[in-house]
Amino acid sequence: MNHLKDISGTLYFIALIPGWELREKVRAVKERMKADFKSGHALKSPAHITLQMPFKRNSTGELAISDTLEQFAAREASFTVDLDGFGCFAPRVIFIRITNPEPVIALHRRLKKVLLEELDFPGSEIMKTVQPHITVATRDLTREAFAEAWPGFQDEEFKGSFNANSLFLLKHNGRDWDILKEFPFKSNG
């Protein structure tokens, strides 16, 4: 049993997370997906834009990641993320579109370099590219439910924006994702 404990670890991921009000607006869409299409998996995490997909580390690794992310974020400048309407990755994912993905893509590129060079992440563990979006339905959305849901969402309006002022490290608690730590970007003043 001990050897399993050694190789297990906790799941983490790195993301941008909008402020409370916008998170709640996205949560309402996720709740609708659950009620209308039995797709509640997206409710396991707060509204977010993934910068680094889930990875496993032990508690020692958590400290190194936190220290490195703190230093990385302190060099980054804030930027605005605009949301407009819905998109999909057929046949199972519906998301809120980001209209200005370039700053997120550039941030991901810089983060990827830090993860590889400073934290020795294996290349296989790092997202090669990002397609910035905020997921509202995923894995548990059946193909049939997607076919029913997407026609209604493709023209539905959803508008919002937020200032990306920090990175977040999220940690899996065995059931859902919790925000473990926020890493503020350098102040603009």
N, C-alpha and C. Protein backbone atom coordinates (compact mmCIF):
# COMPACT_ATOMS: atom_id res chain seq x y z
N MET A 1 0.82 -1.20 0.00
CA MET A 1 0.00 0.00 0.00
C MET A 1 0.87 1.26 0.00
N ASN A 2 2.01 1.23 0.68
CA ASN A 2 2.86 2.41 0.76
C ASN A 2 3.36 2.89 -0.59
N HIS A 3 3.69 1.95 -1.48
CA HIS A 3 4.22 2.37 -2.78
C HIS A 3 3.18 3.17 -3.57
N LEU A 4 1.89 2.88 -3.38
CA LEU A 4 0.86 3.66 -4.07
C LEU A 4 0.82 5.09 -3.56
N LYS A 5 1.02 5.24 -2.28
CA LYS A 5 1.02 6.57 -1.68
C LYS A 5 2.16 7.41 -2.26
N ASP A 6 3.31 6.79 -2.51
CA ASP A 6 4.46 7.51 -3.03
C ASP A 6 4.23 8.03 -4.45
N ILE A 7 3.58 7.23 -5.29
CA ILE A 7 3.41 7.66 -6.68
C ILE A 7 2.12 8.45 -6.90
N SER A 8 1.21 8.39 -5.93
CA SER A 8 0.02 9.20 -6.11
C SER A 8 0.45 10.64 -5.89
N GLY A 9 -0.37 11.48 -5.71
CA GLY A 9 -0.06 12.88 -5.54
C GLY A 9 -1.37 13.60 -5.70
N THR A 10 -1.32 14.87 -5.59
CA THR A 10 -2.53 15.66 -5.70
C THR A 10 -2.59 16.28 -7.08
N LEU A 11 -3.78 16.44 -7.60
CA LEU A 11 -3.96 17.08 -8.89
C LEU A 11 -4.05 18.59 -8.73
N TYR A 12 -3.38 19.29 -9.64
CA TYR A 12 -3.38 20.75 -9.67
C TYR A 12 -3.60 21.20 -11.11
N PHE A 13 -4.04 22.44 -11.29
CA PHE A 13 -3.94 23.07 -12.61
C PHE A 13 -3.82 24.57 -12.42
N ILE A 14 -3.39 25.26 -13.49
CA ILE A 14 -3.12 26.69 -13.44
C ILE A 14 -4.09 27.38 -14.40
N ALA A 15 -4.68 28.48 -13.93
CA ALA A 15 -5.70 29.13 -14.75
C ALA A 15 -5.81 30.63 -14.47
N LEU A 16 -6.53 31.30 -15.34
CA LEU A 16 -7.01 32.66 -15.10
C LEU A 16 -8.45 32.50 -14.63
N ILE A 17 -8.85 33.27 -13.63
CA ILE A 17 -10.20 33.17 -13.08
C ILE A 17 -10.81 34.57 -13.01
N PRO A 18 -12.02 34.73 -13.56
CA PRO A 18 -12.67 36.04 -13.49
C PRO A 18 -13.14 36.36 -12.08
N GLY A 19 -13.52 37.60 -11.87
CA GLY A 19 -14.04 38.04 -10.57
C GLY A 19 -15.35 37.35 -10.22
N TRP A 20 -15.77 37.53 -8.98
CA TRP A 20 -16.92 36.83 -8.42
C TRP A 20 -18.19 36.99 -9.26
N GLU A 21 -18.52 38.22 -9.65
CA GLU A 21 -19.77 38.47 -10.35
C GLU A 21 -19.84 37.71 -11.68
N LEU A 22 -18.77 37.76 -12.44
CA LEU A 22 -18.72 37.05 -13.72
C LEU A 22 -18.70 35.53 -13.49
N ARG A 23 -18.00 35.09 -12.45
CA ARG A 23 -17.99 33.65 -12.12
C ARG A 23 -19.42 33.16 -11.86
N GLU A 24 -20.19 33.96 -11.16
CA GLU A 24 -21.57 33.58 -10.85
C GLU A 24 -22.44 33.55 -12.11
N LYS A 25 -22.19 34.49 -13.02
CA LYS A 25 -22.93 34.52 -14.29
C LYS A 25 -22.63 33.25 -15.10
N VAL A 26 -21.38 32.84 -15.11
CA VAL A 26 -20.98 31.60 -15.80
C VAL A 26 -21.56 30.39 -15.07
N ARG A 27 -21.52 30.42 -13.76
CA ARG A 27 -22.07 29.31 -12.97
C ARG A 27 -23.56 29.10 -13.30
N ALA A 28 -24.30 30.17 -13.50
CA ALA A 28 -25.72 30.06 -13.84
C ALA A 28 -25.89 29.31 -15.17
N VAL A 29 -25.00 29.55 -16.13
CA VAL A 29 -25.06 28.82 -17.40
C VAL A 29 -24.74 27.34 -17.16
N LYS A 30 -23.74 27.07 -16.34
CA LYS A 30 -23.38 25.68 -16.02
C LYS A 30 -24.54 24.97 -15.32
N GLU A 31 -25.22 25.67 -14.42
CA GLU A 31 -26.37 25.10 -13.71
C GLU A 31 -27.48 24.76 -14.71
N ARG A 32 -27.66 25.62 -15.70
CA ARG A 32 -28.66 25.37 -16.74
C ARG A 32 -28.28 24.14 -17.56
N MET A 33 -26.99 23.99 -17.84
CA MET A 33 -26.53 22.81 -18.59
C MET A 33 -26.83 21.53 -17.80
N LYS A 34 -26.64 21.63 -16.49
CA LYS A 34 -26.91 20.46 -15.65
C LYS A 34 -28.41 20.15 -15.61
N ALA A 35 -29.22 21.18 -15.40
CA ALA A 35 -30.67 20.98 -15.30
C ALA A 35 -31.29 20.52 -16.63
N ASP A 36 -30.89 21.16 -17.72
CA ASP A 36 -31.53 20.89 -19.02
C ASP A 36 -30.91 19.73 -19.79
N PHE A 37 -29.59 19.50 -19.59
CA PHE A 37 -28.90 18.50 -20.42
C PHE A 37 -28.10 17.48 -19.62
N LYS A 38 -28.31 17.47 -18.29
CA LYS A 38 -27.65 16.52 -17.39
C LYS A 38 -26.13 16.53 -17.51
N SER A 39 -25.58 17.73 -17.73
CA SER A 39 -24.13 17.90 -17.84
C SER A 39 -23.65 18.82 -16.73
N GLY A 40 -23.22 18.21 -15.62
CA GLY A 40 -22.81 18.98 -14.46
C GLY A 40 -21.32 18.97 -14.18
N HIS A 41 -20.53 18.27 -15.01
CA HIS A 41 -19.09 18.14 -14.74
C HIS A 41 -18.39 19.50 -14.64
N ALA A 42 -18.80 20.45 -15.49
CA ALA A 42 -18.17 21.77 -15.49
C ALA A 42 -18.37 22.52 -14.17
N LEU A 43 -19.35 22.09 -13.38
CA LEU A 43 -19.59 22.72 -12.08
C LEU A 43 -18.53 22.35 -11.04
N LYS A 44 -17.67 21.40 -11.36
CA LYS A 44 -16.65 20.95 -10.40
C LYS A 44 -15.51 21.97 -10.24
N SER A 45 -15.47 22.99 -11.11
CA SER A 45 -14.44 24.02 -10.99
C SER A 45 -15.06 25.39 -11.22
N PRO A 46 -14.45 26.43 -10.65
CA PRO A 46 -14.96 27.78 -10.92
C PRO A 46 -14.72 28.13 -12.39
N ALA A 47 -15.45 29.11 -12.89
CA ALA A 47 -15.22 29.59 -14.26
C ALA A 47 -13.74 29.94 -14.40
N HIS A 48 -13.11 29.48 -15.47
CA HIS A 48 -11.68 29.71 -15.63
C HIS A 48 -11.25 29.55 -17.08
N ILE A 49 -10.06 30.05 -17.36
CA ILE A 49 -9.38 29.81 -18.64
C ILE A 49 -8.14 29.01 -18.28
N THR A 50 -8.06 27.79 -18.74
CA THR A 50 -6.94 26.91 -18.41
C THR A 50 -5.66 27.38 -19.07
N LEU A 51 -4.59 27.49 -18.26
CA LEU A 51 -3.26 27.80 -18.78
C LEU A 51 -2.35 26.58 -18.73
N GLN A 52 -2.62 25.69 -17.79
CA GLN A 52 -1.88 24.44 -17.66
C GLN A 52 -2.84 23.36 -17.19
N MET A 53 -2.98 22.33 -18.02
CA MET A 53 -3.90 21.23 -17.72
C MET A 53 -3.51 20.54 -16.42
N PRO A 54 -4.42 19.76 -15.84
CA PRO A 54 -4.13 19.10 -14.57
C PRO A 54 -2.85 18.24 -14.60
N PHE A 55 -2.11 18.33 -13.49
CA PHE A 55 -0.87 17.58 -13.31
C PHE A 55 -0.80 17.16 -11.86
N LYS A 56 -0.06 16.07 -11.58
CA LYS A 56 0.07 15.55 -10.22
C LYS A 56 1.39 15.95 -9.60
N ARG A 57 1.34 16.35 -8.33
CA ARG A 57 2.54 16.64 -7.56
C ARG A 57 2.28 16.28 -6.11
N ASN A 58 3.37 16.06 -5.37
CA ASN A 58 3.23 15.86 -3.93
C ASN A 58 3.33 17.21 -3.24
N SER A 59 3.19 17.23 -1.91
CA SER A 59 3.16 18.51 -1.19
C SER A 59 4.47 19.29 -1.32
N THR A 60 5.59 18.61 -1.47
CA THR A 60 6.87 19.30 -1.66
C THR A 60 6.86 20.04 -2.98
N GLY A 61 6.33 19.39 -4.00
CA GLY A 61 6.23 20.02 -5.32
C GLY A 61 5.31 21.23 -5.29
N GLU A 62 4.28 21.19 -4.46
CA GLU A 62 3.33 22.30 -4.36
C GLU A 62 4.04 23.58 -3.94
N LEU A 63 4.95 23.47 -2.99
CA LEU A 63 5.67 24.64 -2.50
C LEU A 63 6.56 25.23 -3.61
N ALA A 64 7.26 24.40 -4.32
CA ALA A 64 8.13 24.87 -5.41
C ALA A 64 7.30 25.54 -6.51
N ILE A 65 6.17 24.95 -6.84
CA ILE A 65 5.29 25.52 -7.86
C ILE A 65 4.78 26.88 -7.40
N SER A 66 4.34 26.97 -6.15
CA SER A 66 3.84 28.24 -5.62
C SER A 66 4.91 29.32 -5.67
N ASP A 67 6.11 29.00 -5.22
CA ASP A 67 7.21 29.99 -5.24
C ASP A 67 7.50 30.46 -6.66
N THR A 68 7.57 29.53 -7.58
CA THR A 68 7.89 29.86 -8.97
C THR A 68 6.77 30.68 -9.61
N LEU A 69 5.53 30.29 -9.36
CA LEU A 69 4.40 31.04 -9.94
C LEU A 69 4.32 32.45 -9.37
N GLU A 70 4.66 32.60 -8.10
CA GLU A 70 4.67 33.93 -7.48
C GLU A 70 5.67 34.83 -8.18
N GLN A 71 6.87 34.31 -8.42
CA GLN A 71 7.91 35.09 -9.11
C GLN A 71 7.51 35.38 -10.56
N PHE A 72 6.96 34.40 -11.24
CA PHE A 72 6.52 34.56 -12.63
C PHE A 72 5.43 35.63 -12.72
N ALA A 73 4.40 35.52 -11.90
CA ALA A 73 3.26 36.45 -11.95
C ALA A 73 3.70 37.88 -11.66
N ALA A 74 4.66 38.05 -10.76
CA ALA A 74 5.13 39.39 -10.39
C ALA A 74 5.76 40.13 -11.57
N ARG A 75 6.12 39.41 -12.63
CA ARG A 75 6.72 40.03 -13.83
C ARG A 75 5.67 40.30 -14.91
N GLU A 76 4.46 39.78 -14.73
CA GLU A 76 3.42 39.89 -15.76
C GLU A 76 2.55 41.13 -15.58
N ALA A 77 2.08 41.67 -16.69
CA ALA A 77 1.18 42.83 -16.66
C ALA A 77 -0.27 42.37 -16.80
N SER A 78 -1.16 43.11 -16.17
CA SER A 78 -2.60 42.81 -16.28
C SER A 78 -3.08 43.07 -17.70
N PHE A 79 -4.16 42.41 -18.07
CA PHE A 79 -4.79 42.65 -19.37
C PHE A 79 -6.28 42.34 -19.25
N THR A 80 -7.05 42.80 -20.21
CA THR A 80 -8.50 42.59 -20.20
C THR A 80 -8.86 41.39 -21.05
N VAL A 81 -9.79 40.58 -20.56
CA VAL A 81 -10.31 39.44 -21.31
C VAL A 81 -11.78 39.74 -21.60
N ASP A 82 -12.15 39.72 -22.89
CA ASP A 82 -13.52 39.97 -23.29
C ASP A 82 -14.19 38.67 -23.71
N LEU A 83 -15.42 38.48 -23.23
CA LEU A 83 -16.20 37.29 -23.53
C LEU A 83 -17.38 37.68 -24.40
N ASP A 84 -17.66 36.87 -25.41
CA ASP A 84 -18.78 37.19 -26.30
C ASP A 84 -19.33 35.93 -26.94
N GLY A 85 -20.48 35.50 -26.49
CA GLY A 85 -21.17 34.38 -27.11
C GLY A 85 -20.57 33.02 -26.75
N PHE A 86 -21.06 32.01 -27.47
CA PHE A 86 -20.67 30.63 -27.20
C PHE A 86 -19.99 30.00 -28.40
N GLY A 87 -19.16 29.02 -28.12
CA GLY A 87 -18.51 28.23 -29.16
C GLY A 87 -18.57 26.78 -28.72
N CYS A 88 -18.02 25.89 -29.56
CA CYS A 88 -18.05 24.48 -29.19
C CYS A 88 -16.86 23.74 -29.78
N PHE A 89 -16.53 22.64 -29.14
CA PHE A 89 -15.64 21.63 -29.69
C PHE A 89 -16.55 20.40 -29.83
N ALA A 90 -17.14 20.27 -31.00
CA ALA A 90 -18.09 19.16 -31.21
C ALA A 90 -17.35 17.84 -31.02
N PRO A 91 -17.99 16.83 -30.51
CA PRO A 91 -19.41 16.71 -30.18
C PRO A 91 -19.72 16.76 -28.69
N ARG A 92 -18.85 17.32 -27.83
CA ARG A 92 -19.12 17.19 -26.39
C ARG A 92 -18.88 18.45 -25.56
N VAL A 93 -18.31 19.51 -26.12
CA VAL A 93 -17.93 20.66 -25.30
C VAL A 93 -18.60 21.94 -25.80
N ILE A 94 -19.18 22.69 -24.87
CA ILE A 94 -19.72 24.01 -25.17
C ILE A 94 -19.02 24.99 -24.23
N PHE A 95 -18.62 26.13 -24.79
CA PHE A 95 -17.85 27.09 -24.00
C PHE A 95 -18.24 28.53 -24.34
N ILE A 96 -17.78 29.44 -23.49
CA ILE A 96 -17.94 30.87 -23.73
C ILE A 96 -16.69 31.33 -24.47
N ARG A 97 -16.91 32.06 -25.55
CA ARG A 97 -15.80 32.51 -26.41
C ARG A 97 -15.05 33.70 -25.81
N ILE A 98 -13.75 33.69 -26.04
CA ILE A 98 -12.87 34.81 -25.69
C ILE A 98 -12.62 35.54 -27.01
N THR A 99 -12.92 36.84 -27.06
CA THR A 99 -12.79 37.55 -28.33
C THR A 99 -11.37 38.03 -28.60
N ASN A 100 -10.55 38.13 -27.57
CA ASN A 100 -9.18 38.62 -27.73
C ASN A 100 -8.20 37.62 -27.11
N PRO A 101 -7.99 36.47 -27.76
CA PRO A 101 -7.19 35.41 -27.14
C PRO A 101 -5.68 35.68 -27.10
N GLU A 102 -5.18 36.64 -27.88
CA GLU A 102 -3.73 36.83 -28.00
C GLU A 102 -3.00 37.03 -26.67
N PRO A 103 -3.49 37.90 -25.76
CA PRO A 103 -2.77 38.05 -24.49
C PRO A 103 -2.71 36.75 -23.67
N VAL A 104 -3.76 35.95 -23.74
CA VAL A 104 -3.78 34.67 -23.01
C VAL A 104 -2.78 33.70 -23.64
N ILE A 105 -2.76 33.66 -24.97
CA ILE A 105 -1.83 32.78 -25.68
C ILE A 105 -0.38 33.17 -25.37
N ALA A 106 -0.11 34.47 -25.35
CA ALA A 106 1.25 34.95 -25.04
C ALA A 106 1.63 34.61 -23.59
N LEU A 107 0.69 34.78 -22.65
CA LEU A 107 0.94 34.43 -21.25
C LEU A 107 1.24 32.94 -21.13
N HIS A 108 0.46 32.11 -21.83
CA HIS A 108 0.68 30.67 -21.80
C HIS A 108 2.08 30.32 -22.32
N ARG A 109 2.49 30.97 -23.38
CA ARG A 109 3.82 30.72 -23.97
C ARG A 109 4.91 30.99 -22.93
N ARG A 110 4.79 32.11 -22.21
CA ARG A 110 5.79 32.46 -21.19
C ARG A 110 5.72 31.49 -20.01
N LEU A 111 4.51 31.12 -19.60
CA LEU A 111 4.33 30.18 -18.49
C LEU A 111 4.93 28.81 -18.85
N LYS A 112 4.68 28.37 -20.06
CA LYS A 112 5.18 27.06 -20.52
C LYS A 112 6.71 27.00 -20.38
N LYS A 113 7.39 28.08 -20.76
CA LYS A 113 8.85 28.16 -20.67
C LYS A 113 9.30 28.01 -19.20
N VAL A 114 8.60 28.68 -18.29
CA VAL A 114 8.93 28.60 -16.86
C VAL A 114 8.69 27.19 -16.32
N LEU A 115 7.58 26.57 -16.71
CA LEU A 115 7.28 25.21 -16.24
C LEU A 115 8.34 24.23 -16.71
N LEU A 116 8.76 24.37 -17.95
CA LEU A 116 9.79 23.48 -18.50
C LEU A 116 11.16 23.73 -17.90
N GLU A 117 11.57 25.00 -17.86
CA GLU A 117 12.95 25.35 -17.49
C GLU A 117 13.17 25.47 -15.99
N GLU A 118 12.19 25.99 -15.26
CA GLU A 118 12.41 26.23 -13.83
C GLU A 118 11.81 25.14 -12.94
N LEU A 119 10.74 24.49 -13.41
CA LEU A 119 10.09 23.47 -12.58
C LEU A 119 10.27 22.06 -13.14
N ASP A 120 11.02 21.95 -14.23
CA ASP A 120 11.33 20.64 -14.85
C ASP A 120 10.10 19.79 -15.15
N PHE A 121 9.03 20.43 -15.59
CA PHE A 121 7.86 19.67 -16.04
C PHE A 121 8.28 18.88 -17.27
N PRO A 122 7.88 17.62 -17.38
CA PRO A 122 8.15 16.90 -18.63
C PRO A 122 7.32 17.51 -19.75
N GLY A 123 7.86 17.56 -20.95
CA GLY A 123 7.16 18.13 -22.09
C GLY A 123 5.78 17.53 -22.30
N SER A 124 5.65 16.24 -22.00
CA SER A 124 4.37 15.55 -22.20
C SER A 124 3.29 16.05 -21.26
N GLU A 125 3.67 16.72 -20.19
CA GLU A 125 2.72 17.18 -19.18
C GLU A 125 2.23 18.60 -19.47
N ILE A 126 2.87 19.26 -20.42
CA ILE A 126 2.57 20.66 -20.69
C ILE A 126 1.69 20.81 -21.92
N MET A 127 0.71 21.70 -21.82
CA MET A 127 -0.14 21.99 -22.97
C MET A 127 0.72 22.69 -24.02
N LYS A 128 0.76 22.15 -25.21
CA LYS A 128 1.57 22.74 -26.29
C LYS A 128 1.02 24.09 -26.71
N THR A 129 -0.31 24.16 -26.84
CA THR A 129 -0.97 25.41 -27.21
C THR A 129 -2.24 25.54 -26.37
N VAL A 130 -2.80 26.74 -26.37
CA VAL A 130 -4.08 26.94 -25.71
C VAL A 130 -5.06 27.54 -26.71
N GLN A 131 -6.32 27.18 -26.53
CA GLN A 131 -7.42 27.81 -27.25
C GLN A 131 -8.28 28.42 -26.15
N PRO A 132 -7.99 29.67 -25.77
CA PRO A 132 -8.65 30.26 -24.61
C PRO A 132 -10.18 30.26 -24.72
N HIS A 133 -10.81 29.76 -23.66
CA HIS A 133 -12.27 29.68 -23.58
C HIS A 133 -12.65 29.37 -22.13
N ILE A 134 -13.94 29.53 -21.82
CA ILE A 134 -14.46 29.16 -20.50
C ILE A 134 -15.51 28.08 -20.73
N THR A 135 -15.21 26.87 -20.31
CA THR A 135 -16.09 25.71 -20.52
C THR A 135 -17.35 25.80 -19.66
N VAL A 136 -18.51 25.49 -20.29
CA VAL A 136 -19.76 25.41 -19.53
C VAL A 136 -20.37 24.01 -19.58
N ALA A 137 -19.92 23.19 -20.53
CA ALA A 137 -20.36 21.78 -20.59
C ALA A 137 -19.24 20.97 -21.21
N THR A 138 -18.96 19.82 -20.63
CA THR A 138 -17.83 19.02 -21.10
C THR A 138 -18.14 17.53 -20.93
N ARG A 139 -17.10 16.74 -20.71
CA ARG A 139 -17.12 15.28 -20.57
C ARG A 139 -18.47 14.58 -20.46
N ASP A 140 -19.32 15.02 -19.53
CA ASP A 140 -20.56 14.30 -19.30
C ASP A 140 -21.71 14.79 -20.19
N LEU A 141 -21.42 15.67 -21.14
CA LEU A 141 -22.43 16.09 -22.11
C LEU A 141 -22.43 15.03 -23.21
N THR A 142 -23.50 14.28 -23.30
CA THR A 142 -23.56 13.22 -24.30
C THR A 142 -23.66 13.84 -25.69
N ARG A 143 -23.32 13.05 -26.69
CA ARG A 143 -23.44 13.52 -28.08
C ARG A 143 -24.88 13.94 -28.38
N GLU A 144 -25.82 13.18 -27.86
CA GLU A 144 -27.24 13.48 -28.09
C GLU A 144 -27.62 14.80 -27.42
N ALA A 145 -27.17 14.99 -26.19
CA ALA A 145 -27.46 16.23 -25.47
C ALA A 145 -26.78 17.42 -26.15
N PHE A 146 -25.56 17.21 -26.65
CA PHE A 146 -24.86 18.26 -27.38
C PHE A 146 -25.68 18.67 -28.60
N ALA A 147 -26.15 17.67 -29.37
CA ALA A 147 -26.93 17.94 -30.58
C ALA A 147 -28.20 18.72 -30.26
N GLU A 148 -28.74 18.50 -29.06
CA GLU A 148 -29.93 19.21 -28.63
C GLU A 148 -29.58 20.61 -28.10
N ALA A 149 -28.48 20.71 -27.35
CA ALA A 149 -28.11 21.98 -26.70
C ALA A 149 -27.49 23.00 -27.65
N TRP A 150 -26.60 22.55 -28.52
CA TRP A 150 -25.81 23.50 -29.31
C TRP A 150 -26.64 24.45 -30.18
N PRO A 151 -27.69 23.98 -30.87
CA PRO A 151 -28.47 24.92 -31.68
C PRO A 151 -29.02 26.11 -30.86
N GLY A 152 -29.37 25.88 -29.61
CA GLY A 152 -29.86 26.96 -28.76
C GLY A 152 -28.76 27.89 -28.28
N PHE A 153 -27.58 27.34 -28.06
CA PHE A 153 -26.48 28.15 -27.53
C PHE A 153 -25.70 28.90 -28.61
N GLN A 154 -25.67 28.37 -29.83
CA GLN A 154 -24.79 28.98 -30.83
C GLN A 154 -25.12 30.44 -31.13
N ASP A 155 -26.39 30.83 -30.96
CA ASP A 155 -26.76 32.22 -31.23
C ASP A 155 -27.13 32.98 -29.95
N GLU A 156 -27.01 32.32 -28.81
CA GLU A 156 -27.36 32.98 -27.55
C GLU A 156 -26.31 34.02 -27.20
N GLU A 157 -26.77 35.11 -26.62
CA GLU A 157 -25.84 36.18 -26.25
C GLU A 157 -25.26 35.91 -24.86
N PHE A 158 -23.98 36.16 -24.74
CA PHE A 158 -23.31 36.16 -23.44
C PHE A 158 -22.19 37.17 -23.57
N LYS A 159 -22.24 38.21 -22.77
CA LYS A 159 -21.21 39.23 -22.82
C LYS A 159 -20.63 39.42 -21.43
N GLY A 160 -19.35 39.70 -21.39
CA GLY A 160 -18.69 39.97 -20.12
C GLY A 160 -17.23 40.30 -20.38
N SER A 161 -16.58 40.83 -19.39
CA SER A 161 -15.14 41.04 -19.49
C SER A 161 -14.58 41.10 -18.08
N PHE A 162 -13.30 40.83 -17.98
CA PHE A 162 -12.64 40.91 -16.68
C PHE A 162 -11.18 41.26 -16.88
N ASN A 163 -10.62 41.86 -15.85
CA ASN A 163 -9.19 42.15 -15.86
C ASN A 163 -8.46 40.94 -15.32
N ALA A 164 -7.56 40.41 -16.13
CA ALA A 164 -6.71 39.31 -15.67
C ALA A 164 -5.57 39.97 -14.90
N ASN A 165 -5.68 39.95 -13.58
CA ASN A 165 -4.71 40.59 -12.69
C ASN A 165 -3.83 39.60 -11.96
N SER A 166 -4.12 38.30 -12.15
CA SER A 166 -3.36 37.28 -11.44
C SER A 166 -3.58 35.91 -12.04
N LEU A 167 -2.68 35.01 -11.69
CA LEU A 167 -2.78 33.59 -12.02
C LEU A 167 -3.33 32.88 -10.80
N PHE A 168 -3.92 31.72 -11.01
CA PHE A 168 -4.43 30.93 -9.90
C PHE A 168 -3.93 29.50 -10.00
N LEU A 169 -3.59 28.93 -8.85
CA LEU A 169 -3.27 27.51 -8.75
C LEU A 169 -4.47 26.86 -8.09
N LEU A 170 -5.04 25.88 -8.78
CA LEU A 170 -6.19 25.15 -8.25
C LEU A 170 -5.76 23.75 -7.84
N LYS A 171 -6.42 23.22 -6.82
CA LYS A 171 -6.07 21.92 -6.26
C LYS A 171 -7.33 21.07 -6.16
N HIS A 172 -7.23 19.82 -6.53
CA HIS A 172 -8.38 18.92 -6.48
C HIS A 172 -8.53 18.38 -5.06
N ASN A 173 -9.75 18.44 -4.53
CA ASN A 173 -9.98 17.99 -3.16
C ASN A 173 -10.53 16.56 -3.09
N GLY A 174 -10.50 15.85 -4.22
CA GLY A 174 -11.05 14.50 -4.27
C GLY A 174 -12.39 14.46 -4.96
N ARG A 175 -13.04 15.63 -5.05
CA ARG A 175 -14.34 15.72 -5.71
C ARG A 175 -14.43 16.91 -6.66
N ASP A 176 -13.97 18.07 -6.18
CA ASP A 176 -14.05 19.31 -6.94
C ASP A 176 -12.70 20.02 -6.92
N TRP A 177 -12.62 21.11 -7.67
CA TRP A 177 -11.42 21.94 -7.71
C TRP A 177 -11.60 23.15 -6.81
N ASP A 178 -10.62 23.39 -5.93
CA ASP A 178 -10.60 24.57 -5.07
C ASP A 178 -9.49 25.51 -5.52
N ILE A 179 -9.72 26.80 -5.34
CA ILE A 179 -8.66 27.77 -5.58
C ILE A 179 -7.71 27.65 -4.41
N LEU A 180 -6.47 27.24 -4.69
CA LEU A 180 -5.48 27.07 -3.63
C LEU A 180 -4.78 28.40 -3.35
N LYS A 181 -4.35 29.07 -4.42
CA LYS A 181 -3.58 30.28 -4.22
C LYS A 181 -3.70 31.19 -5.43
N GLU A 182 -3.71 32.50 -5.16
CA GLU A 182 -3.73 33.51 -6.21
C GLU A 182 -2.34 34.17 -6.26
N PHE A 183 -1.86 34.41 -7.48
CA PHE A 183 -0.54 35.02 -7.67
C PHE A 183 -0.72 36.31 -8.46
N PRO A 184 -0.70 37.46 -7.78
CA PRO A 184 -0.96 38.74 -8.44
C PRO A 184 0.12 39.12 -9.46
N PHE A 185 -0.34 39.73 -10.55
CA PHE A 185 0.58 40.30 -11.54
C PHE A 185 1.16 41.57 -10.95
N LYS A 186 2.24 42.07 -11.58
CA LYS A 186 2.86 43.29 -11.07
C LYS A 186 1.83 44.41 -11.10
N SER A 187 1.96 45.35 -10.16
CA SER A 187 0.98 46.44 -10.13
C SER A 187 1.22 47.36 -11.32
N ASN A 188 0.15 47.94 -11.80
CA ASN A 188 0.25 48.78 -12.99
C ASN A 188 0.64 50.22 -12.66
N GLY A 189 0.78 50.51 -11.36
CA GLY A 189 1.00 51.90 -10.97
C GLY A 189 2.37 52.40 -11.10
